[in-house]
PDB file of all heavy atoms in Angstrom:
ATOM      1  N   SER A   1      96.150 110.330  71.851  1.00  0.00           N
ATOM      2  CA  SER A   1      96.799 109.131  72.375  1.00  0.00           C
ATOM      3  C   SER A   1      97.114 109.221  73.865  1.00  0.00           C
ATOM      4  O   SER A   1      97.651 108.288  74.431  1.00  0.00           O
ATOM      5  CB  SER A   1      98.104 108.859  71.602  1.00  0.00           C
ATOM      6  OG  SER A   1      99.000 109.933  71.775  1.00  0.00           O
ATOM      7  N   ARG A   2      96.795 110.324  74.491  1.00  0.00           N
ATOM      8  CA  ARG A   2      97.075 110.470  75.919  1.00  0.00           C
ATOM      9  C   ARG A   2      95.939 109.861  76.728  1.00  0.00           C
ATOM     10  O   ARG A   2      94.761 110.065  76.445  1.00  0.00           O
ATOM     11  CB  ARG A   2      97.232 111.941  76.272  1.00  0.00           C
ATOM     12  CG  ARG A   2      97.948 112.179  77.586  1.00  0.00           C
ATOM     13  CD  ARG A   2      98.102 113.657  77.819  1.00  0.00           C
ATOM     14  NE  ARG A   2      96.809 114.254  78.103  1.00  0.00           N
ATOM     15  CZ  ARG A   2      96.503 114.817  79.269  1.00  0.00           C
ATOM     16  NH1 ARG A   2      97.371 114.824  80.231  1.00  0.00           N
ATOM     17  NH2 ARG A   2      95.331 115.359  79.460  1.00  0.00           N
ATOM     18  N   ALA A   3      96.287 109.096  77.749  1.00  0.00           N
ATOM     19  CA  ALA A   3      95.268 108.477  78.591  1.00  0.00           C
ATOM     20  C   ALA A   3      94.485 109.540  79.353  1.00  0.00           C
ATOM     21  O   ALA A   3      95.034 110.568  79.752  1.00  0.00           O
ATOM     22  CB  ALA A   3      95.913 107.500  79.571  1.00  0.00           C
ATOM     23  N   ASP A   4      93.212 109.292  79.536  1.00  0.00           N
ATOM     24  CA  ASP A   4      92.378 110.193  80.324  1.00  0.00           C
ATOM     25  C   ASP A   4      92.949 110.277  81.747  1.00  0.00           C
ATOM     26  O   ASP A   4      93.327 109.256  82.321  1.00  0.00           O
ATOM     27  CB  ASP A   4      90.953 109.621  80.353  1.00  0.00           C
ATOM     28  CG  ASP A   4      89.956 110.613  80.925  1.00  0.00           C
ATOM     29  OD1 ASP A   4      90.254 111.198  81.985  1.00  0.00           O
ATOM     30  OD2 ASP A   4      88.897 110.802  80.311  1.00  0.00           O
ATOM     31  N   PRO A   5      93.047 111.487  82.338  1.00  0.00           N
ATOM     32  CA  PRO A   5      93.554 111.587  83.719  1.00  0.00           C
ATOM     33  C   PRO A   5      92.787 110.716  84.705  1.00  0.00           C
ATOM     34  O   PRO A   5      93.349 110.259  85.700  1.00  0.00           O
ATOM     35  CB  PRO A   5      93.374 113.077  84.034  1.00  0.00           C
ATOM     36  CG  PRO A   5      93.394 113.770  82.711  1.00  0.00           C
ATOM     37  CD  PRO A   5      92.757 112.809  81.745  1.00  0.00           C
ATOM     38  N   VAL A   6      91.501 110.475  84.423  1.00  0.00           N
ATOM     39  CA  VAL A   6      90.708 109.615  85.308  1.00  0.00           C
ATOM     40  C   VAL A   6      91.285 108.203  85.337  1.00  0.00           C
ATOM     41  O   VAL A   6      91.256 107.523  86.367  1.00  0.00           O
ATOM     42  CB  VAL A   6      89.234 109.589  84.846  1.00  0.00           C
ATOM     43  CG1 VAL A   6      88.420 108.630  85.694  1.00  0.00           C
ATOM     44  CG2 VAL A   6      88.639 110.988  84.909  1.00  0.00           C
ATOM     45  N   VAL A   7      91.833 107.758  84.200  1.00  0.00           N
ATOM     46  CA  VAL A   7      92.418 106.423  84.131  1.00  0.00           C
ATOM     47  C   VAL A   7      93.617 106.319  85.064  1.00  0.00           C
ATOM     48  O   VAL A   7      93.773 105.328  85.796  1.00  0.00           O
ATOM     49  CB  VAL A   7      92.822 106.082  82.683  1.00  0.00           C
ATOM     50  CG1 VAL A   7      93.562 104.747  82.631  1.00  0.00           C
ATOM     51  CG2 VAL A   7      91.605 106.035  81.784  1.00  0.00           C
ATOM     52  N   GLY A   8      94.468 107.350  85.055  1.00  0.00           N
ATOM     53  CA  GLY A   8      95.626 107.337  85.937  1.00  0.00           C
ATOM     54  C   GLY A   8      95.234 107.255  87.404  1.00  0.00           C
ATOM     55  O   GLY A   8      95.844 106.517  88.186  1.00  0.00           O
ATOM     56  N   VAL A   9      94.194 108.001  87.786  1.00  0.00           N
ATOM     57  CA  VAL A   9      93.705 107.950  89.168  1.00  0.00           C
ATOM     58  C   VAL A   9      93.121 106.577  89.477  1.00  0.00           C
ATOM     59  O   VAL A   9      93.351 106.011  90.554  1.00  0.00           O
ATOM     60  CB  VAL A   9      92.658 109.049  89.402  1.00  0.00           C
ATOM     61  CG1 VAL A   9      92.048 108.914  90.792  1.00  0.00           C
ATOM     62  CG2 VAL A   9      93.271 110.437  89.234  1.00  0.00           C
ATOM     63  N   ALA A  10      92.381 106.023  88.527  1.00  0.00           N
ATOM     64  CA  ALA A  10      91.758 104.707  88.728  1.00  0.00           C
ATOM     65  C   ALA A  10      92.812 103.619  88.922  1.00  0.00           C
ATOM     66  O   ALA A  10      92.630 102.697  89.733  1.00  0.00           O
ATOM     67  CB  ALA A  10      90.859 104.366  87.542  1.00  0.00           C
ATOM     68  N   VAL A  11      93.927 103.713  88.197  1.00  0.00           N
ATOM     69  CA  VAL A  11      95.005 102.735  88.353  1.00  0.00           C
ATOM     70  C   VAL A  11      95.569 102.794  89.769  1.00  0.00           C
ATOM     71  O   VAL A  11      95.796 101.761  90.412  1.00  0.00           O
ATOM     72  CB  VAL A  11      96.113 102.980  87.311  1.00  0.00           C
ATOM     73  CG1 VAL A  11      97.329 102.113  87.610  1.00  0.00           C
ATOM     74  CG2 VAL A  11      95.605 102.684  85.909  1.00  0.00           C
ATOM     75  N   LYS A  12      95.787 104.001  90.276  1.00  0.00           N
ATOM     76  CA  LYS A  12      96.307 104.149  91.641  1.00  0.00           C
ATOM     77  C   LYS A  12      95.322 103.614  92.677  1.00  0.00           C
ATOM     78  O   LYS A  12      95.725 102.964  93.650  1.00  0.00           O
ATOM     79  CB  LYS A  12      96.620 105.615  91.918  1.00  0.00           C
ATOM     80  CG  LYS A  12      97.749 106.176  91.061  1.00  0.00           C
ATOM     81  CD  LYS A  12      97.911 107.672  91.266  1.00  0.00           C
ATOM     82  CE  LYS A  12      98.965 108.233  90.326  1.00  0.00           C
ATOM     83  NZ  LYS A  12      99.105 109.699  90.437  1.00  0.00           N
ATOM     84  N   VAL A  13      94.026 103.879  92.473  1.00  0.00           N
ATOM     85  CA  VAL A  13      93.007 103.370  93.397  1.00  0.00           C
ATOM     86  C   VAL A  13      92.989 101.846  93.377  1.00  0.00           C
ATOM     87  O   VAL A  13      92.903 101.194  94.428  1.00  0.00           O
ATOM     88  CB  VAL A  13      91.620 103.937  93.037  1.00  0.00           C
ATOM     89  CG1 VAL A  13      90.531 103.236  93.845  1.00  0.00           C
ATOM     90  CG2 VAL A  13      91.578 105.446  93.278  1.00  0.00           C
ATOM     91  N   ALA A  14      93.074 101.256  92.186  1.00  0.00           N
ATOM     92  CA  ALA A  14      93.065  99.802  92.068  1.00  0.00           C
ATOM     93  C   ALA A  14      94.255  99.187  92.794  1.00  0.00           C
ATOM     94  O   ALA A  14      94.129  98.168  93.484  1.00  0.00           O
ATOM     95  CB  ALA A  14      93.072  99.395  90.594  1.00  0.00           C
ATOM     96  N   LYS A  15      95.423  99.803  92.669  1.00  0.00           N
ATOM     97  CA  LYS A  15      96.603  99.283  93.357  1.00  0.00           C
ATOM     98  C   LYS A  15      96.459  99.434  94.871  1.00  0.00           C
ATOM     99  O   LYS A  15      96.860  98.547  95.632  1.00  0.00           O
ATOM    100  CB  LYS A  15      97.863 100.005  92.851  1.00  0.00           C
ATOM    101  CG  LYS A  15      98.220  99.655  91.409  1.00  0.00           C
ATOM    102  CD  LYS A  15      99.481 100.340  90.962  1.00  0.00           C
ATOM    103  CE  LYS A  15      99.796 100.007  89.505  1.00  0.00           C
ATOM    104  NZ  LYS A  15     100.147  98.585  89.329  1.00  0.00           N
ATOM    105  N   TYR A  16      95.879 100.544  95.307  1.00  0.00           N
ATOM    106  CA  TYR A  16      95.659 100.758  96.735  1.00  0.00           C
ATOM    107  C   TYR A  16      94.724  99.678  97.296  1.00  0.00           C
ATOM    108  O   TYR A  16      94.980  99.117  98.363  1.00  0.00           O
ATOM    109  CB  TYR A  16      95.071 102.147  96.965  1.00  0.00           C
ATOM    110  CG  TYR A  16      94.905 102.523  98.419  1.00  0.00           C
ATOM    111  CD1 TYR A  16      95.949 103.110  99.125  1.00  0.00           C
ATOM    112  CD2 TYR A  16      93.712 102.289  99.096  1.00  0.00           C
ATOM    113  CE1 TYR A  16      95.811 103.462 100.456  1.00  0.00           C
ATOM    114  CE2 TYR A  16      93.565 102.626 100.430  1.00  0.00           C
ATOM    115  CZ  TYR A  16      94.621 103.211 101.101  1.00  0.00           C
ATOM    116  OH  TYR A  16      94.478 103.541 102.428  1.00  0.00           O
ATOM    117  N   VAL A  17      93.652  99.394  96.564  1.00  0.00           N
ATOM    118  CA  VAL A  17      92.715  98.347  96.996  1.00  0.00           C
ATOM    119  C   VAL A  17      93.444  97.011  97.105  1.00  0.00           C
ATOM    120  O   VAL A  17      93.195  96.225  98.027  1.00  0.00           O
ATOM    121  CB  VAL A  17      91.539  98.250  96.000  1.00  0.00           C
ATOM    122  CG1 VAL A  17      90.709  96.996  96.252  1.00  0.00           C
ATOM    123  CG2 VAL A  17      90.650  99.493  96.106  1.00  0.00           C
ATOM    124  N   GLY A  18      94.364  96.740  96.170  1.00  0.00           N
ATOM    125  CA  GLY A  18      95.123  95.498  96.232  1.00  0.00           C
ATOM    126  C   GLY A  18      95.992  95.407  97.470  1.00  0.00           C
ATOM    127  O   GLY A  18      96.081  94.348  98.109  1.00  0.00           O
ATOM    128  N   TYR A  19      96.641  96.512  97.843  1.00  0.00           N
ATOM    129  CA  TYR A  19      97.464  96.504  99.048  1.00  0.00           C
ATOM    130  C   TYR A  19      96.621  96.280 100.300  1.00  0.00           C
ATOM    131  O   TYR A  19      97.003  95.519 101.195  1.00  0.00           O
ATOM    132  CB  TYR A  19      98.215  97.837  99.175  1.00  0.00           C
ATOM    133  CG  TYR A  19      99.243  98.073  98.095  1.00  0.00           C
ATOM    134  CD1 TYR A  19      99.463  99.358  97.582  1.00  0.00           C
ATOM    135  CD2 TYR A  19      99.988  97.025  97.565  1.00  0.00           C
ATOM    136  CE1 TYR A  19     100.407  99.577  96.593  1.00  0.00           C
ATOM    137  CE2 TYR A  19     100.925  97.245  96.575  1.00  0.00           C
ATOM    138  CZ  TYR A  19     101.120  98.522  96.085  1.00  0.00           C
ATOM    139  OH  TYR A  19     102.039  98.739  95.104  1.00  0.00           O
ATOM    140  N   VAL A  20      95.471  96.949 100.366  1.00  0.00           N
ATOM    141  CA  VAL A  20      94.576  96.760 101.510  1.00  0.00           C
ATOM    142  C   VAL A  20      94.106  95.309 101.576  1.00  0.00           C
ATOM    143  O   VAL A  20      94.090  94.684 102.650  1.00  0.00           O
ATOM    144  CB  VAL A  20      93.374  97.720 101.423  1.00  0.00           C
ATOM    145  CG1 VAL A  20      92.345  97.401 102.508  1.00  0.00           C
ATOM    146  CG2 VAL A  20      93.830  99.172 101.557  1.00  0.00           C
ATOM    147  N   GLY A  21      93.712  94.763 100.435  1.00  0.00           N
ATOM    148  CA  GLY A  21      93.271  93.374 100.401  1.00  0.00           C
ATOM    149  C   GLY A  21      94.362  92.414 100.844  1.00  0.00           C
ATOM    150  O   GLY A  21      94.106  91.429 101.552  1.00  0.00           O
ATOM    151  N   LEU A  22      95.607  92.706 100.455  1.00  0.00           N
ATOM    152  CA  LEU A  22      96.716  91.819 100.821  1.00  0.00           C
ATOM    153  C   LEU A  22      96.906  91.756 102.331  1.00  0.00           C
ATOM    154  O   LEU A  22      97.060  90.671 102.909  1.00  0.00           O
ATOM    155  CB  LEU A  22      97.996  92.309 100.146  1.00  0.00           C
ATOM    156  CG  LEU A  22      99.238  91.443 100.341  1.00  0.00           C
ATOM    157  CD1 LEU A  22      99.037  90.068  99.714  1.00  0.00           C
ATOM    158  CD2 LEU A  22     100.458  92.120  99.740  1.00  0.00           C
ATOM    159  N   LEU A  23      96.881  92.909 103.010  1.00  0.00           N
ATOM    160  CA  LEU A  23      97.083  92.881 104.460  1.00  0.00           C
ATOM    161  C   LEU A  23      95.878  92.270 105.169  1.00  0.00           C
ATOM    162  O   LEU A  23      96.034  91.614 106.214  1.00  0.00           O
ATOM    163  CB  LEU A  23      97.406  94.276 104.980  1.00  0.00           C
ATOM    164  CG  LEU A  23      96.341  95.371 104.956  1.00  0.00           C
ATOM    165  CD1 LEU A  23      95.540  95.375 106.256  1.00  0.00           C
ATOM    166  CD2 LEU A  23      96.992  96.741 104.760  1.00  0.00           C
ATOM    167  N   LEU A  24      94.652  92.462 104.616  1.00  0.00           N
ATOM    168  CA  LEU A  24      93.467  91.837 105.223  1.00  0.00           C
ATOM    169  C   LEU A  24      93.455  90.332 105.016  1.00  0.00           C
ATOM    170  O   LEU A  24      92.795  89.607 105.767  1.00  0.00           O
ATOM    171  CB  LEU A  24      92.193  92.452 104.629  1.00  0.00           C
ATOM    172  CG  LEU A  24      91.933  93.928 104.939  1.00  0.00           C
ATOM    173  CD1 LEU A  24      90.617  94.369 104.320  1.00  0.00           C
ATOM    174  CD2 LEU A  24      91.923  94.169 106.447  1.00  0.00           C
ATOM    175  N   LEU A  25      94.162  89.859 104.014  1.00  0.00           N
ATOM    176  CA  LEU A  25      94.265  88.418 103.774  1.00  0.00           C
ATOM    177  C   LEU A  25      95.378  87.796 104.609  1.00  0.00           C
ATOM    178  O   LEU A  25      95.185  86.756 105.259  1.00  0.00           O
ATOM    179  CB  LEU A  25      94.514  88.171 102.284  1.00  0.00           C
ATOM    180  CG  LEU A  25      94.816  86.733 101.848  1.00  0.00           C
ATOM    181  CD1 LEU A  25      93.656  85.809 102.204  1.00  0.00           C
ATOM    182  CD2 LEU A  25      95.109  86.689 100.357  1.00  0.00           C
ATOM    183  N   VAL A  26      96.543  88.412 104.621  1.00  0.00           N
ATOM    184  CA  VAL A  26      97.706  87.844 105.308  1.00  0.00           C
ATOM    185  C   VAL A  26      97.528  87.883 106.823  1.00  0.00           C
ATOM    186  O   VAL A  26      97.863  86.912 107.517  1.00  0.00           O
ATOM    187  CB  VAL A  26      98.983  88.599 104.894  1.00  0.00           C
ATOM    188  CG1 VAL A  26     100.166  88.174 105.756  1.00  0.00           C
ATOM    189  CG2 VAL A  26      99.290  88.347 103.425  1.00  0.00           C
ATOM    190  N   GLY A  27      96.998  88.997 107.349  1.00  0.00           N
ATOM    191  CA  GLY A  27      96.844  89.120 108.796  1.00  0.00           C
ATOM    192  C   GLY A  27      96.017  87.999 109.417  1.00  0.00           C
ATOM    193  O   GLY A  27      96.508  87.293 110.315  1.00  0.00           O
ATOM    194  N   PRO A  28      94.771  87.799 108.985  1.00  0.00           N
ATOM    195  CA  PRO A  28      93.978  86.707 109.557  1.00  0.00           C
ATOM    196  C   PRO A  28      94.603  85.332 109.361  1.00  0.00           C
ATOM    197  O   PRO A  28      94.580  84.497 110.263  1.00  0.00           O
ATOM    198  CB  PRO A  28      92.644  86.827 108.807  1.00  0.00           C
ATOM    199  CG  PRO A  28      92.560  88.248 108.401  1.00  0.00           C
ATOM    200  CD  PRO A  28      93.971  88.652 108.087  1.00  0.00           C
ATOM    201  N   ALA A  29      95.155  85.079 108.157  1.00  0.00           N
ATOM    202  CA  ALA A  29      95.745  83.760 107.902  1.00  0.00           C
ATOM    203  C   ALA A  29      96.901  83.497 108.858  1.00  0.00           C
ATOM    204  O   ALA A  29      97.033  82.394 109.420  1.00  0.00           O
ATOM    205  CB  ALA A  29      96.223  83.684 106.450  1.00  0.00           C
ATOM    206  N   LEU A  30      97.762  84.487 109.081  1.00  0.00           N
ATOM    207  CA  LEU A  30      98.918  84.307 109.949  1.00  0.00           C
ATOM    208  C   LEU A  30      98.499  84.135 111.407  1.00  0.00           C
ATOM    209  O   LEU A  30      98.985  83.232 112.104  1.00  0.00           O
ATOM    210  CB  LEU A  30      99.835  85.524 109.804  1.00  0.00           C
ATOM    211  CG  LEU A  30     101.173  85.468 110.538  1.00  0.00           C
ATOM    212  CD1 LEU A  30     102.028  84.344 109.979  1.00  0.00           C
ATOM    213  CD2 LEU A  30     101.898  86.797 110.431  1.00  0.00           C
ATOM    214  N   VAL A  31      97.602  84.995 111.878  1.00  0.00           N
ATOM    215  CA  VAL A  31      97.190  84.925 113.287  1.00  0.00           C
ATOM    216  C   VAL A  31      96.403  83.648 113.558  1.00  0.00           C
ATOM    217  O   VAL A  31      96.603  82.989 114.596  1.00  0.00           O
ATOM    218  CB  VAL A  31      96.366  86.174 113.651  1.00  0.00           C
ATOM    219  CG1 VAL A  31      95.749  86.013 115.039  1.00  0.00           C
ATOM    220  CG2 VAL A  31      97.246  87.416 113.611  1.00  0.00           C
ATOM    221  N   LEU A  32      95.494  83.265 112.669  1.00  0.00           N
ATOM    222  CA  LEU A  32      94.727  82.031 112.875  1.00  0.00           C
ATOM    223  C   LEU A  32      95.627  80.804 112.863  1.00  0.00           C
ATOM    224  O   LEU A  32      95.351  79.813 113.552  1.00  0.00           O
ATOM    225  CB  LEU A  32      93.653  81.900 111.797  1.00  0.00           C
ATOM    226  CG  LEU A  32      92.465  82.864 111.905  1.00  0.00           C
ATOM    227  CD1 LEU A  32      91.528  82.687 110.724  1.00  0.00           C
ATOM    228  CD2 LEU A  32      91.706  82.657 113.211  1.00  0.00           C
ATOM    229  N   ALA A  33      96.712  80.845 112.093  1.00  0.00           N
ATOM    230  CA  ALA A  33      97.601  79.688 112.011  1.00  0.00           C
ATOM    231  C   ALA A  33      98.499  79.557 113.237  1.00  0.00           C
ATOM    232  O   ALA A  33      98.877  78.435 113.608  1.00  0.00           O
ATOM    233  CB  ALA A  33      98.471  79.799 110.751  1.00  0.00           C
ATOM    234  N   ALA A  34      98.836  80.673 113.910  1.00  0.00           N
ATOM    235  CA  ALA A  34      99.855  80.600 114.955  1.00  0.00           C
ATOM    236  C   ALA A  34      99.470  81.206 116.299  1.00  0.00           C
ATOM    237  O   ALA A  34     100.023  80.796 117.325  1.00  0.00           O
ATOM    238  CB  ALA A  34     101.138  81.275 114.456  1.00  0.00           C
ATOM    239  N   LEU A  35      98.558  82.161 116.341  1.00  0.00           N
ATOM    240  CA  LEU A  35      98.317  82.895 117.588  1.00  0.00           C
ATOM    241  C   LEU A  35      96.881  82.837 118.089  1.00  0.00           C
ATOM    242  O   LEU A  35      96.601  83.344 119.173  1.00  0.00           O
ATOM    243  CB  LEU A  35      98.720  84.374 117.407  1.00  0.00           C
ATOM    244  CG  LEU A  35     100.190  84.667 117.112  1.00  0.00           C
ATOM    245  CD1 LEU A  35     100.401  86.168 116.903  1.00  0.00           C
ATOM    246  CD2 LEU A  35     101.086  84.168 118.234  1.00  0.00           C
ATOM    247  N   TRP A  36      95.972  82.293 117.353  1.00  0.00           N
ATOM    248  CA  TRP A  36      94.560  82.383 117.725  1.00  0.00           C
ATOM    249  C   TRP A  36      94.203  81.421 118.864  1.00  0.00           C
ATOM    250  O   TRP A  36      94.470  80.221 118.784  1.00  0.00           O
ATOM    251  CB  TRP A  36      93.698  82.069 116.502  1.00  0.00           C
ATOM    252  CG  TRP A  36      92.249  82.424 116.688  1.00  0.00           C
ATOM    253  CD1 TRP A  36      91.210  81.559 116.863  1.00  0.00           C
ATOM    254  CD2 TRP A  36      91.681  83.734 116.699  1.00  0.00           C
ATOM    255  NE1 TRP A  36      90.027  82.235 116.991  1.00  0.00           N
ATOM    256  CE2 TRP A  36      90.290  83.589 116.898  1.00  0.00           C
ATOM    257  CE3 TRP A  36      92.203  85.012 116.584  1.00  0.00           C
ATOM    258  CZ2 TRP A  36      89.422  84.670 116.969  1.00  0.00           C
ATOM    259  CZ3 TRP A  36      91.347  86.093 116.652  1.00  0.00           C
ATOM    260  CH2 TRP A  36      89.976  85.910 116.832  1.00  0.00           C
ATOM    261  N   PRO A  37      93.589  81.929 119.949  1.00  0.00           N
ATOM    262  CA  PRO A  37      93.157  81.050 121.041  1.00  0.00           C
ATOM    263  C   PRO A  37      92.082  80.067 120.568  1.00  0.00           C
ATOM    264  O   PRO A  37      91.159  80.445 119.831  1.00  0.00           O
ATOM    265  CB  PRO A  37      92.592  82.031 122.078  1.00  0.00           C
ATOM    266  CG  PRO A  37      93.214  83.356 121.737  1.00  0.00           C
ATOM    267  CD  PRO A  37      93.367  83.354 120.247  1.00  0.00           C
ATOM    268  N   ARG A  38      92.181  78.821 120.980  1.00  0.00           N
ATOM    269  CA  ARG A  38      91.262  77.785 120.509  1.00  0.00           C
ATOM    270  C   ARG A  38      89.819  78.043 120.930  1.00  0.00           C
ATOM    271  O   ARG A  38      88.882  77.637 120.238  1.00  0.00           O
ATOM    272  CB  ARG A  38      91.703  76.414 121.032  1.00  0.00           C
ATOM    273  CG  ARG A  38      92.965  75.892 120.364  1.00  0.00           C
ATOM    274  CD  ARG A  38      93.320  74.511 120.884  1.00  0.00           C
ATOM    275  NE  ARG A  38      94.483  73.965 120.199  1.00  0.00           N
ATOM    276  CZ  ARG A  38      94.419  73.237 119.079  1.00  0.00           C
ATOM    277  NH1 ARG A  38      93.242  72.977 118.549  1.00  0.00           N
ATOM    278  NH2 ARG A  38      95.519  72.788 118.528  1.00  0.00           N
ATOM    279  N   ARG A  39      89.629  78.720 122.067  1.00  0.00           N
ATOM    280  CA  ARG A  39      88.261  78.890 122.571  1.00  0.00           C
ATOM    281  C   ARG A  39      87.477  79.946 121.793  1.00  0.00           C
ATOM    282  O   ARG A  39      86.251  79.981 121.846  1.00  0.00           O
ATOM    283  CB  ARG A  39      88.278  79.271 124.055  1.00  0.00           C
ATOM    284  CG  ARG A  39      88.796  80.678 124.321  1.00  0.00           C
ATOM    285  CD  ARG A  39      88.680  81.075 125.770  1.00  0.00           C
ATOM    286  NE  ARG A  39      89.066  82.480 125.957  1.00  0.00           N
ATOM    287  CZ  ARG A  39      88.239  83.500 125.786  1.00  0.00           C
ATOM    288  NH1 ARG A  39      86.972  83.287 125.446  1.00  0.00           N
ATOM    289  NH2 ARG A  39      88.666  84.741 125.966  1.00  0.00           N
TER     290      ARG A  39
END
């Protein structure tokens, strides 16, 4: 009944990918909305 250790590592990797994706999504959206030069 114990989860494979690979599963535990995979869960951490998946969460890490989510954090990276979040900052790559929020950064462009925020800068394009308020700071991006029109030219």
